[in-house]
Amino acid sequence: MLVFSQDRKRVMDCNTLRISKNIGAKKDEKYSITGSVVFNDTLDNSYTLALFPDEKSAMDELEKVFNAFAEGATSYKF
C-alpha cells in the first residue's frame, strides 16, 4: 500500500506498519506509526510516517489504515 507521510515528505510502498514509542520525544510526539520497506531479503528500512500524543491515537489511526486497506484502497494519506 502506498502511504503518504504526515509531514508530506515521503510516499512509500509499505510492507508493514507498526506503532512505536518515541523515548524522549516531545509531548505531542510520544508515539509514532512507522512503515517498513523491504528492498531484498536482508535489508529492511523503517521510516516514521506519523506522530501522535498517545498510544490510543496511534492505534486508532492504524485501525483506519487497516480498514482502508480492507476496503480495497491502494493508498493512504496521514
PDB file of N, CA and C in Angstrom:
ATOM      1  N   MET A   1       0.840  -1.171   0.000  1.00  0.00           N
ATOM      2  CA  MET A   1       0.000   0.000   0.000  1.00  0.00           C
ATOM      3  C   MET A   1       0.889   1.239   0.000  1.00  0.00           C
ATOM      4  N   LEU A   2       0.588   2.180  -0.865  1.00  0.00           N
ATOM      5  CA  LEU A   2       1.312   3.451  -0.867  1.00  0.00           C
ATOM      6  C   LEU A   2       0.827   4.299   0.297  1.00  0.00           C
ATOM      7  N   VAL A   3       1.765   4.837   1.061  1.00  0.00           N
ATOM      8  CA  VAL A   3       1.434   5.649   2.227  1.00  0.00           C
ATOM      9  C   VAL A   3       2.141   6.991   2.103  1.00  0.00           C
ATOM     10  N   PHE A   4       1.366   8.069   2.291  1.00  0.00           N
ATOM     11  CA  PHE A   4       1.873   9.433   2.240  1.00  0.00           C
ATOM     12  C   PHE A   4       2.057   9.901   3.679  1.00  0.00           C
ATOM     13  N   SER A   5       3.273  10.292   4.053  1.00  0.00           N
ATOM     14  CA  SER A   5       3.588  10.630   5.443  1.00  0.00           C
ATOM     15  C   SER A   5       2.896  11.906   5.905  1.00  0.00           C
ATOM     16  N   GLN A   6       2.746  12.012   7.219  1.00  0.00           N
ATOM     17  CA  GLN A   6       2.099  13.149   7.857  1.00  0.00           C
ATOM     18  C   GLN A   6       2.817  14.470   7.536  1.00  0.00           C
ATOM     19  N   ASP A   7       4.138  14.423   7.443  1.00  0.00           N
ATOM     20  CA  ASP A   7       4.896  15.645   7.163  1.00  0.00           C
ATOM     21  C   ASP A   7       4.980  15.964   5.666  1.00  0.00           C
ATOM     22  N   ARG A   8       4.345  15.126   4.841  1.00  0.00           N
ATOM     23  CA  ARG A   8       4.255  15.297   3.390  1.00  0.00           C
ATOM     24  C   ARG A   8       5.619  15.236   2.700  1.00  0.00           C
ATOM     25  N   LYS A   9       6.589  14.553   3.310  1.00  0.00           N
ATOM     26  CA  LYS A   9       7.928  14.456   2.728  1.00  0.00           C
ATOM     27  C   LYS A   9       8.252  13.085   2.170  1.00  0.00           C
ATOM     28  N   ARG A  10       7.313  12.109   2.320  1.00  0.00           N
ATOM     29  CA  ARG A  10       7.638  10.750   1.916  1.00  0.00           C
ATOM     30  C   ARG A  10       6.374  10.023   1.457  1.00  0.00           C
ATOM     31  N   VAL A  11       6.501   9.339   0.326  1.00  0.00           N
ATOM     32  CA  VAL A  11       5.494   8.385  -0.133  1.00  0.00           C
ATOM     33  C   VAL A  11       6.204   7.043  -0.238  1.00  0.00           C
ATOM     34  N   MET A  12       5.646   6.039   0.433  1.00  0.00           N
ATOM     35  CA  MET A  12       6.318   4.738   0.493  1.00  0.00           C
ATOM     36  C   MET A  12       5.343   3.626   0.156  1.00  0.00           C
ATOM     37  N   ASP A  13       5.852   2.586  -0.465  1.00  0.00           N
ATOM     38  CA  ASP A  13       5.092   1.362  -0.678  1.00  0.00           C
ATOM     39  C   ASP A  13       5.452   0.441   0.485  1.00  0.00           C
ATOM     40  N   CYS A  14       4.654   0.493   1.554  1.00  0.00           N
ATOM     41  CA  CYS A  14       4.985  -0.192   2.811  1.00  0.00           C
ATOM     42  C   CYS A  14       4.610  -1.664   2.796  1.00  0.00           C
ATOM     43  N   ASN A  15       5.515  -2.459   3.342  1.00  0.00           N
ATOM     44  CA  ASN A  15       5.240  -3.873   3.568  1.00  0.00           C
ATOM     45  C   ASN A  15       4.564  -4.074   4.918  1.00  0.00           C
ATOM     46  N   THR A  16       4.989  -3.320   5.922  1.00  0.00           N
ATOM     47  CA  THR A  16       4.396  -3.409   7.257  1.00  0.00           C
ATOM     48  C   THR A  16       4.297  -2.021   7.876  1.00  0.00           C
ATOM     49  N   LEU A  17       3.336  -1.864   8.776  1.00  0.00           N
ATOM     50  CA  LEU A  17       3.185  -0.656   9.587  1.00  0.00           C
ATOM     51  C   LEU A  17       3.136  -1.090  11.034  1.00  0.00           C
ATOM     52  N   ARG A  18       3.738  -0.287  11.922  1.00  0.00           N
ATOM     53  CA  ARG A  18       3.694  -0.631  13.345  1.00  0.00           C
ATOM     54  C   ARG A  18       3.753   0.644  14.186  1.00  0.00           C
ATOM     55  N   ILE A  19       3.309   0.494  15.423  1.00  0.00           N
ATOM     56  CA  ILE A  19       3.338   1.598  16.376  1.00  0.00           C
ATOM     57  C   ILE A  19       4.592   1.454  17.229  1.00  0.00           C
ATOM     58  N   SER A  20       5.277   2.572  17.413  1.00  0.00           N
ATOM     59  CA  SER A  20       6.497   2.588  18.226  1.00  0.00           C
ATOM     60  C   SER A  20       6.401   3.706  19.256  1.00  0.00           C
ATOM     61  N   LYS A  21       6.982   3.472  20.419  1.00  0.00           N
ATOM     62  CA  LYS A  21       7.064   4.515  21.444  1.00  0.00           C
ATOM     63  C   LYS A  21       8.333   5.322  21.201  1.00  0.00           C
ATOM     64  N   ASN A  22       8.206   6.636  21.192  1.00  0.00           N
ATOM     65  CA  ASN A  22       9.353   7.521  20.974  1.00  0.00           C
ATOM     66  C   ASN A  22       9.905   7.971  22.325  1.00  0.00           C
ATOM     67  N   ILE A  23      10.976   7.366  22.763  1.00  0.00           N
ATOM     68  CA  ILE A  23      11.591   7.717  24.041  1.00  0.00           C
ATOM     69  C   ILE A  23      12.232   9.100  23.924  1.00  0.00           C
ATOM     70  N   GLY A  24      11.915   9.982  24.872  1.00  0.00           N
ATOM     71  CA  GLY A  24      12.499  11.315  24.887  1.00  0.00           C
ATOM     72  C   GLY A  24      11.905  12.277  23.871  1.00  0.00           C
ATOM     73  N   ALA A  25      10.760  11.934  23.305  1.00  0.00           N
ATOM     74  CA  ALA A  25      10.141  12.784  22.292  1.00  0.00           C
ATOM     75  C   ALA A  25       9.362  13.929  22.939  1.00  0.00           C
ATOM     76  N   LYS A  26       8.973  14.893  22.097  1.00  0.00           N
ATOM     77  CA  LYS A  26       8.140  15.998  22.556  1.00  0.00           C
ATOM     78  C   LYS A  26       6.797  15.454  23.043  1.00  0.00           C
ATOM     79  N   LYS A  27       6.093  16.266  23.827  1.00  0.00           N
ATOM     80  CA  LYS A  27       4.838  15.845  24.445  1.00  0.00           C
ATOM     81  C   LYS A  27       3.823  15.331  23.421  1.00  0.00           C
ATOM     82  N   ASP A  28       3.712  15.984  22.280  1.00  0.00           N
ATOM     83  CA  ASP A  28       2.711  15.583  21.280  1.00  0.00           C
ATOM     84  C   ASP A  28       3.261  14.588  20.258  1.00  0.00           C
ATOM     85  N   GLU A  29       4.439  14.035  20.514  1.00  0.00           N
ATOM     86  CA  GLU A  29       5.056  13.079  19.590  1.00  0.00           C
ATOM     87  C   GLU A  29       5.542  11.822  20.328  1.00  0.00           C
ATOM     88  N   LYS A  30       4.793  11.357  21.320  1.00  0.00           N
ATOM     89  CA  LYS A  30       5.217  10.227  22.146  1.00  0.00           C
ATOM     90  C   LYS A  30       5.142   8.884  21.424  1.00  0.00           C
ATOM     91  N   TYR A  31       4.236   8.764  20.448  1.00  0.00           N
ATOM     92  CA  TYR A  31       4.085   7.516  19.697  1.00  0.00           C
ATOM     93  C   TYR A  31       4.119   7.815  18.204  1.00  0.00           C
ATOM     94  N   SER A  32       4.591   6.835  17.449  1.00  0.00           N
ATOM     95  CA  SER A  32       4.645   7.017  16.000  1.00  0.00           C
ATOM     96  C   SER A  32       4.149   5.770  15.292  1.00  0.00           C
ATOM     97  N   ILE A  33       3.720   5.973  14.070  1.00  0.00           N
ATOM     98  CA  ILE A  33       3.480   4.854  13.173  1.00  0.00           C
ATOM     99  C   ILE A  33       4.651   4.854  12.212  1.00  0.00           C
ATOM    100  N   THR A  34       5.343   3.725  12.174  1.00  0.00           N
ATOM    101  CA  THR A  34       6.473   3.583  11.260  1.00  0.00           C
ATOM    102  C   THR A  34       6.114   2.579  10.183  1.00  0.00           C
ATOM    103  N   GLY A  35       6.656   2.814   9.005  1.00  0.00           N
ATOM    104  CA  GLY A  35       6.431   1.910   7.892  1.00  0.00           C
ATOM    105  C   GLY A  35       7.742   1.294   7.460  1.00  0.00           C
ATOM    106  N   SER A  36       7.679   0.038   7.062  1.00  0.00           N
ATOM    107  CA  SER A  36       8.874  -0.675   6.608  1.00  0.00           C
ATOM    108  C   SER A  36       8.785  -0.960   5.116  1.00  0.00           C
ATOM    109  N   VAL A  37       9.922  -0.801   4.480  1.00  0.00           N
ATOM    110  CA  VAL A  37      10.068  -1.133   3.070  1.00  0.00           C
ATOM    111  C   VAL A  37      11.174  -2.167   2.977  1.00  0.00           C
ATOM    112  N   VAL A  38      10.888  -3.305   2.382  1.00  0.00           N
ATOM    113  CA  VAL A  38      11.883  -4.361   2.236  1.00  0.00           C
ATOM    114  C   VAL A  38      12.431  -4.301   0.815  1.00  0.00           C
ATOM    115  N   PHE A  39      13.727  -4.029   0.709  1.00  0.00           N
ATOM    116  CA  PHE A  39      14.365  -3.924  -0.605  1.00  0.00           C
ATOM    117  C   PHE A  39      14.839  -5.279  -1.116  1.00  0.00           C
ATOM    118  N   ASN A  40      15.225  -6.148  -0.217  1.00  0.00           N
ATOM    119  CA  ASN A  40      15.607  -7.513  -0.569  1.00  0.00           C
ATOM    120  C   ASN A  40      15.443  -8.371   0.678  1.00  0.00           C
ATOM    121  N   ASP A  41      15.935  -9.579   0.678  1.00  0.00           N
ATOM    122  CA  ASP A  41      15.730 -10.488   1.813  1.00  0.00           C
ATOM    123  C   ASP A  41      16.377 -10.019   3.110  1.00  0.00           C
ATOM    124  N   THR A  42      17.392  -9.161   3.035  1.00  0.00           N
ATOM    125  CA  THR A  42      18.127  -8.801   4.244  1.00  0.00           C
ATOM    126  C   THR A  42      18.016  -7.331   4.632  1.00  0.00           C
ATOM    127  N   LEU A  43      17.585  -6.464   3.740  1.00  0.00           N
ATOM    128  CA  LEU A  43      17.559  -5.025   4.016  1.00  0.00           C
ATOM    129  C   LEU A  43      16.134  -4.553   4.278  1.00  0.00           C
ATOM    130  N   ASP A  44      15.893  -4.073   5.482  1.00  0.00           N
ATOM    131  CA  ASP A  44      14.584  -3.587   5.891  1.00  0.00           C
ATOM    132  C   ASP A  44      14.752  -2.176   6.433  1.00  0.00           C
ATOM    133  N   ASN A  45      14.193  -1.184   5.774  1.00  0.00           N
ATOM    134  CA  ASN A  45      14.287   0.190   6.221  1.00  0.00           C
ATOM    135  C   ASN A  45      12.951   0.637   6.792  1.00  0.00           C
ATOM    136  N   SER A  46      12.971   1.216   7.995  1.00  0.00           N
ATOM    137  CA  SER A  46      11.761   1.722   8.643  1.00  0.00           C
ATOM    138  C   SER A  46      11.827   3.233   8.724  1.00  0.00           C
ATOM    139  N   TYR A  47      10.688   3.868   8.480  1.00  0.00           N
ATOM    140  CA  TYR A  47      10.608   5.323   8.496  1.00  0.00           C
ATOM    141  C   TYR A  47       9.382   5.755   9.288  1.00  0.00           C
ATOM    142  N   THR A  48       9.499   6.862  10.010  1.00  0.00           N
ATOM    143  CA  THR A  48       8.363   7.423  10.729  1.00  0.00           C
ATOM    144  C   THR A  48       7.416   8.062   9.727  1.00  0.00           C
ATOM    145  N   LEU A  49       6.149   7.682   9.813  1.00  0.00           N
ATOM    146  CA  LEU A  49       5.142   8.200   8.894  1.00  0.00           C
ATOM    147  C   LEU A  49       4.198   9.189   9.555  1.00  0.00           C
ATOM    148  N   ALA A  50       3.971   9.032  10.865  1.00  0.00           N
ATOM    149  CA  ALA A  50       3.058   9.929  11.578  1.00  0.00           C
ATOM    150  C   ALA A  50       3.375   9.891  13.074  1.00  0.00           C
ATOM    151  N   LEU A  51       3.122  11.014  13.753  1.00  0.00           N
ATOM    152  CA  LEU A  51       3.398  11.147  15.187  1.00  0.00           C
ATOM    153  C   LEU A  51       2.102  11.437  15.937  1.00  0.00           C
ATOM    154  N   PHE A  52       2.014  10.922  17.177  1.00  0.00           N
ATOM    155  CA  PHE A  52       0.796  11.038  17.966  1.00  0.00           C
ATOM    156  C   PHE A  52       1.130  11.300  19.428  1.00  0.00           C
ATOM    157  N   PRO A  53       0.217  11.976  20.159  1.00  0.00           N
ATOM    158  CA  PRO A  53       0.480  12.291  21.561  1.00  0.00           C
ATOM    159  C   PRO A  53       0.341  11.100  22.499  1.00  0.00           C
ATOM    160  N   ASP A  54      -0.424  10.072  22.080  1.00  0.00           N
ATOM    161  CA  ASP A  54      -0.625   8.912  22.951  1.00  0.00           C
ATOM    162  C   ASP A  54      -0.840   7.656  22.111  1.00  0.00           C
ATOM    163  N   GLU A  55      -0.727   6.516  22.788  1.00  0.00           N
ATOM    164  CA  GLU A  55      -0.818   5.237  22.090  1.00  0.00           C
ATOM    165  C   GLU A  55      -2.204   5.006  21.484  1.00  0.00           C
ATOM    166  N   LYS A  56      -3.257   5.423  22.182  1.00  0.00           N
ATOM    167  CA  LYS A  56      -4.614   5.230  21.676  1.00  0.00           C
ATOM    168  C   LYS A  56      -4.819   5.949  20.352  1.00  0.00           C
ATOM    169  N   SER A  57      -4.334   7.174  20.246  1.00  0.00           N
ATOM    170  CA  SER A  57      -4.460   7.929  18.992  1.00  0.00           C
ATOM    171  C   SER A  57      -3.752   7.206  17.852  1.00  0.00           C
ATOM    172  N   ALA A  58      -2.568   6.683  18.135  1.00  0.00           N
ATOM    173  CA  ALA A  58      -1.812   5.951  17.119  1.00  0.00           C
ATOM    174  C   ALA A  58      -2.549   4.671  16.718  1.00  0.00           C
ATOM    175  N   MET A  59      -3.099   3.965  17.714  1.00  0.00           N
ATOM    176  CA  MET A  59      -3.834   2.731  17.423  1.00  0.00           C
ATOM    177  C   MET A  59      -5.099   3.013  16.608  1.00  0.00           C
ATOM    178  N   ASP A  60      -5.796   4.092  16.934  1.00  0.00           N
ATOM    179  CA  ASP A  60      -6.993   4.461  16.172  1.00  0.00           C
ATOM    180  C   ASP A  60      -6.652   4.755  14.712  1.00  0.00           C
ATOM    181  N   GLU A  61      -5.543   5.457  14.501  1.00  0.00           N
ATOM    182  CA  GLU A  61      -5.131   5.777  13.126  1.00  0.00           C
ATOM    183  C   GLU A  61      -4.693   4.526  12.376  1.00  0.00           C
ATOM    184  N   LEU A  62      -3.972   3.636  13.051  1.00  0.00           N
ATOM    185  CA  LEU A  62      -3.551   2.393  12.409  1.00  0.00           C
ATOM    186  C   LEU A  62      -4.766   1.550  12.018  1.00  0.00           C
ATOM    187  N   GLU A  63      -5.803   1.583  12.848  1.00  0.00           N
ATOM    188  CA  GLU A  63      -7.040   0.867  12.511  1.00  0.00           C
ATOM    189  C   GLU A  63      -7.701   1.478  11.277  1.00  0.00           C
ATOM    190  N   LYS A  64      -7.641   2.801  11.142  1.00  0.00           N
ATOM    191  CA  LYS A  64      -8.175   3.462   9.934  1.00  0.00           C
ATOM    192  C   LYS A  64      -7.415   3.015   8.685  1.00  0.00           C
ATOM    193  N   VAL A  65      -6.100   2.888   8.811  1.00  0.00           N
ATOM    194  CA  VAL A  65      -5.289   2.416   7.689  1.00  0.00           C
ATOM    195  C   VAL A  65      -5.718   0.997   7.310  1.00  0.00           C
ATOM    196  N   PHE A  66      -5.869   0.136   8.311  1.00  0.00           N
ATOM    197  CA  PHE A  66      -6.272  -1.242   8.053  1.00  0.00           C
ATOM    198  C   PHE A  66      -7.638  -1.294   7.370  1.00  0.00           C
ATOM    199  N   ASN A  67      -8.595  -0.517   7.882  1.00  0.00           N
ATOM    200  CA  ASN A  67      -9.937  -0.513   7.292  1.00  0.00           C
ATOM    201  C   ASN A  67      -9.910  -0.031   5.849  1.00  0.00           C
ATOM    202  N   ALA A  68      -9.111   0.976   5.560  1.00  0.00           N
ATOM    203  CA  ALA A  68      -8.982   1.459   4.184  1.00  0.00           C
ATOM    204  C   ALA A  68      -8.420   0.359   3.290  1.00  0.00           C
ATOM    205  N   PHE A  69      -7.400  -0.335   3.772  1.00  0.00           N
ATOM    206  CA  PHE A  69      -6.800  -1.429   3.010  1.00  0.00           C
ATOM    207  C   PHE A  69      -7.809  -2.561   2.800  1.00  0.00           C
ATOM    208  N   ALA A  70      -8.563  -2.888   3.861  1.00  0.00           N
ATOM    209  CA  ALA A  70      -9.556  -3.969   3.773  1.00  0.00           C
ATOM    210  C   ALA A  70     -10.671  -3.629   2.767  1.00  0.00           C
ATOM    211  N   GLU A  71     -10.937  -2.342   2.595  1.00  0.00           N
ATOM    212  CA  GLU A  71     -11.964  -1.909   1.652  1.00  0.00           C
ATOM    213  C   GLU A  71     -11.423  -1.753   0.237  1.00  0.00           C
ATOM    214  N   GLY A  72     -10.145  -2.085   0.039  1.00  0.00           N
ATOM    215  CA  GLY A  72      -9.584  -2.083  -1.293  1.00  0.00           C
ATOM    216  C   GLY A  72      -8.755  -0.865  -1.677  1.00  0.00           C
ATOM    217  N   ALA A  73      -8.522   0.037  -0.728  1.00  0.00           N
ATOM    218  CA  ALA A  73      -7.700   1.215  -1.037  1.00  0.00           C
ATOM    219  C   ALA A  73      -6.273   0.784  -1.350  1.00  0.00           C
ATOM    220  N   THR A  74      -5.662   1.467  -2.293  1.00  0.00           N
ATOM    221  CA  THR A  74      -4.268   1.174  -2.642  1.00  0.00           C
ATOM    222  C   THR A  74      -3.315   2.232  -2.098  1.00  0.00           C
ATOM    223  N   SER A  75      -3.884   3.283  -1.460  1.00  0.00           N
ATOM    224  CA  SER A  75      -3.045   4.324  -0.879  1.00  0.00           C
ATOM    225  C   SER A  75      -3.741   4.887   0.355  1.00  0.00           C
ATOM    226  N   TYR A  76      -2.934   5.561   1.193  1.00  0.00           N
ATOM    227  CA  TYR A  76      -3.453   6.173   2.418  1.00  0.00           C
ATOM    228  C   TYR A  76      -2.623   7.409   2.722  1.00  0.00           C
ATOM    229  N   LYS A  77      -3.291   8.499   3.137  1.00  0.00           N
ATOM    230  CA  LYS A  77      -2.590   9.739   3.482  1.00  0.00           C
ATOM    231  C   LYS A  77      -2.813  10.048   4.957  1.00  0.00           C
ATOM    232  N   PHE A  78      -1.708  10.185   5.705  1.00  0.00           N
ATOM    233  CA  PHE A  78      -1.810  10.572   7.116  1.00  0.00           C
ATOM    234  C   PHE A  78      -2.087  12.033   7.222  1.00  0.00           C
TER     235      PHE A  78
END
